Amino acid sequence: MEKESNRTDATAEMLDRWCSGPGFQFTCPEAEEAYKKRAKRIADVIQLKVPDRVPIVPAFGMFPYLDNGFSCQEVFFDHQKAREAWLKTATEFEPDAFSSTLLNGAFFEEIGYRQLRLPGRGVPATSIFQFVEEEYVKAEEFYDSFLNDPSDFLWRIYLPRVCGMLEPFAKFPPLNQSFGYYLGLTSTLSAFGKPEIAGAFEALCKSAARAVQWNEAVAATSREIGSLGFPSAMGGGTHAPFDTIGDFLRGTRGIMLDIRRNPDKLLQAMEKLVPIHIEIGLRAKQSGNPVVSIPLHKGAEGFMSAEQYKIFYWPTLKRSSWD
């Protein structure tokens, strides 16, 4: 009970700070008052209190762009157009919190990302991006590698499969081979000098620099919308461990087979993801916005039986989002 009380107090403190609008330079006193009212409305719901009214937080998706005369293709490659659409939609519809879908199209295109079809690149220019689900790693190459070293699996197996520009990383030796004093360090890190690996890192750094600029522009727009009196609907995000494996790594078909063929290793892999997802969700603290989005995909009724849900989905989701 003491742990539960401490957790409740900490949540209340975070929400109170968020409701005060720290870091915002509001455009006028009315905007500041509106921000605090809207944020408190959402904070009350999070704490299971009765708000002054039901908060309205639409998932706008592509609506702001299309409603303001832009194609999805335009805004995915031009943040200024997205900014214009966001501002118009927020001030016209006055939601209690604002969020919208926007990806850095140039970054994903430059790294040769295979899991997304971007607007105008495989799907119509007016359409939202489409996720390309595949069985990117087979069960026999996923579980042992991931359980042994998730980071090594990510860099040397997974990313080379889903990012064309990063294919040379598959030839990189495991970093844990550096545990050999100076000889191991020299042997492992010399791989950075191989032309194909060095070229991949150089291209990645260039793309990442553009991504930083994009992220800074998006953050500036969010602050601008906040200064008008509209809180951001999301300070961070995380996933259910089952979804991480089923969406991005094994695919729906793969993970459904794993429930039958590899249940023990699937449970072990999800346990491995719990602390990782907790840390990802805690990034919301850095943003000053404690609201964490957890999209749930394969936990919907119809994907698995109630008994399977109790075994494979709920336990690690609960701990990832609550512990």
Foldseek 3Di string as FASTA:
>chain_A
DVVVVVVLVVLVVLLVLVLQPPPADAPDPVLSVLQNLLSVQVSCVVSVHHHPDHFFEDACELVLQVVVPHAQLVCLDPVVSVLVSQQVVCVVVVGSAYDYDHHNVVLCVLQQFAQWQCDVRPHPRRDHIDGDFDQLDAPVPPLVVCLVPVVQCVQQRQSLSGGVLSVCSVVQDDPVQCPPPPVSVCVRVCVCVDVSNVSSVVSNVVSVVVVVVVVVSVVVSQSVSVSSNHHHQALFEFEFLLCCCCGRHRHLVRVVVCVVVPVPSLVSSSVVCQVVLLVRLVSSVVSSHNRYYYDYDQLDPPSDDPVCCVVRTPPSRCSSPPD
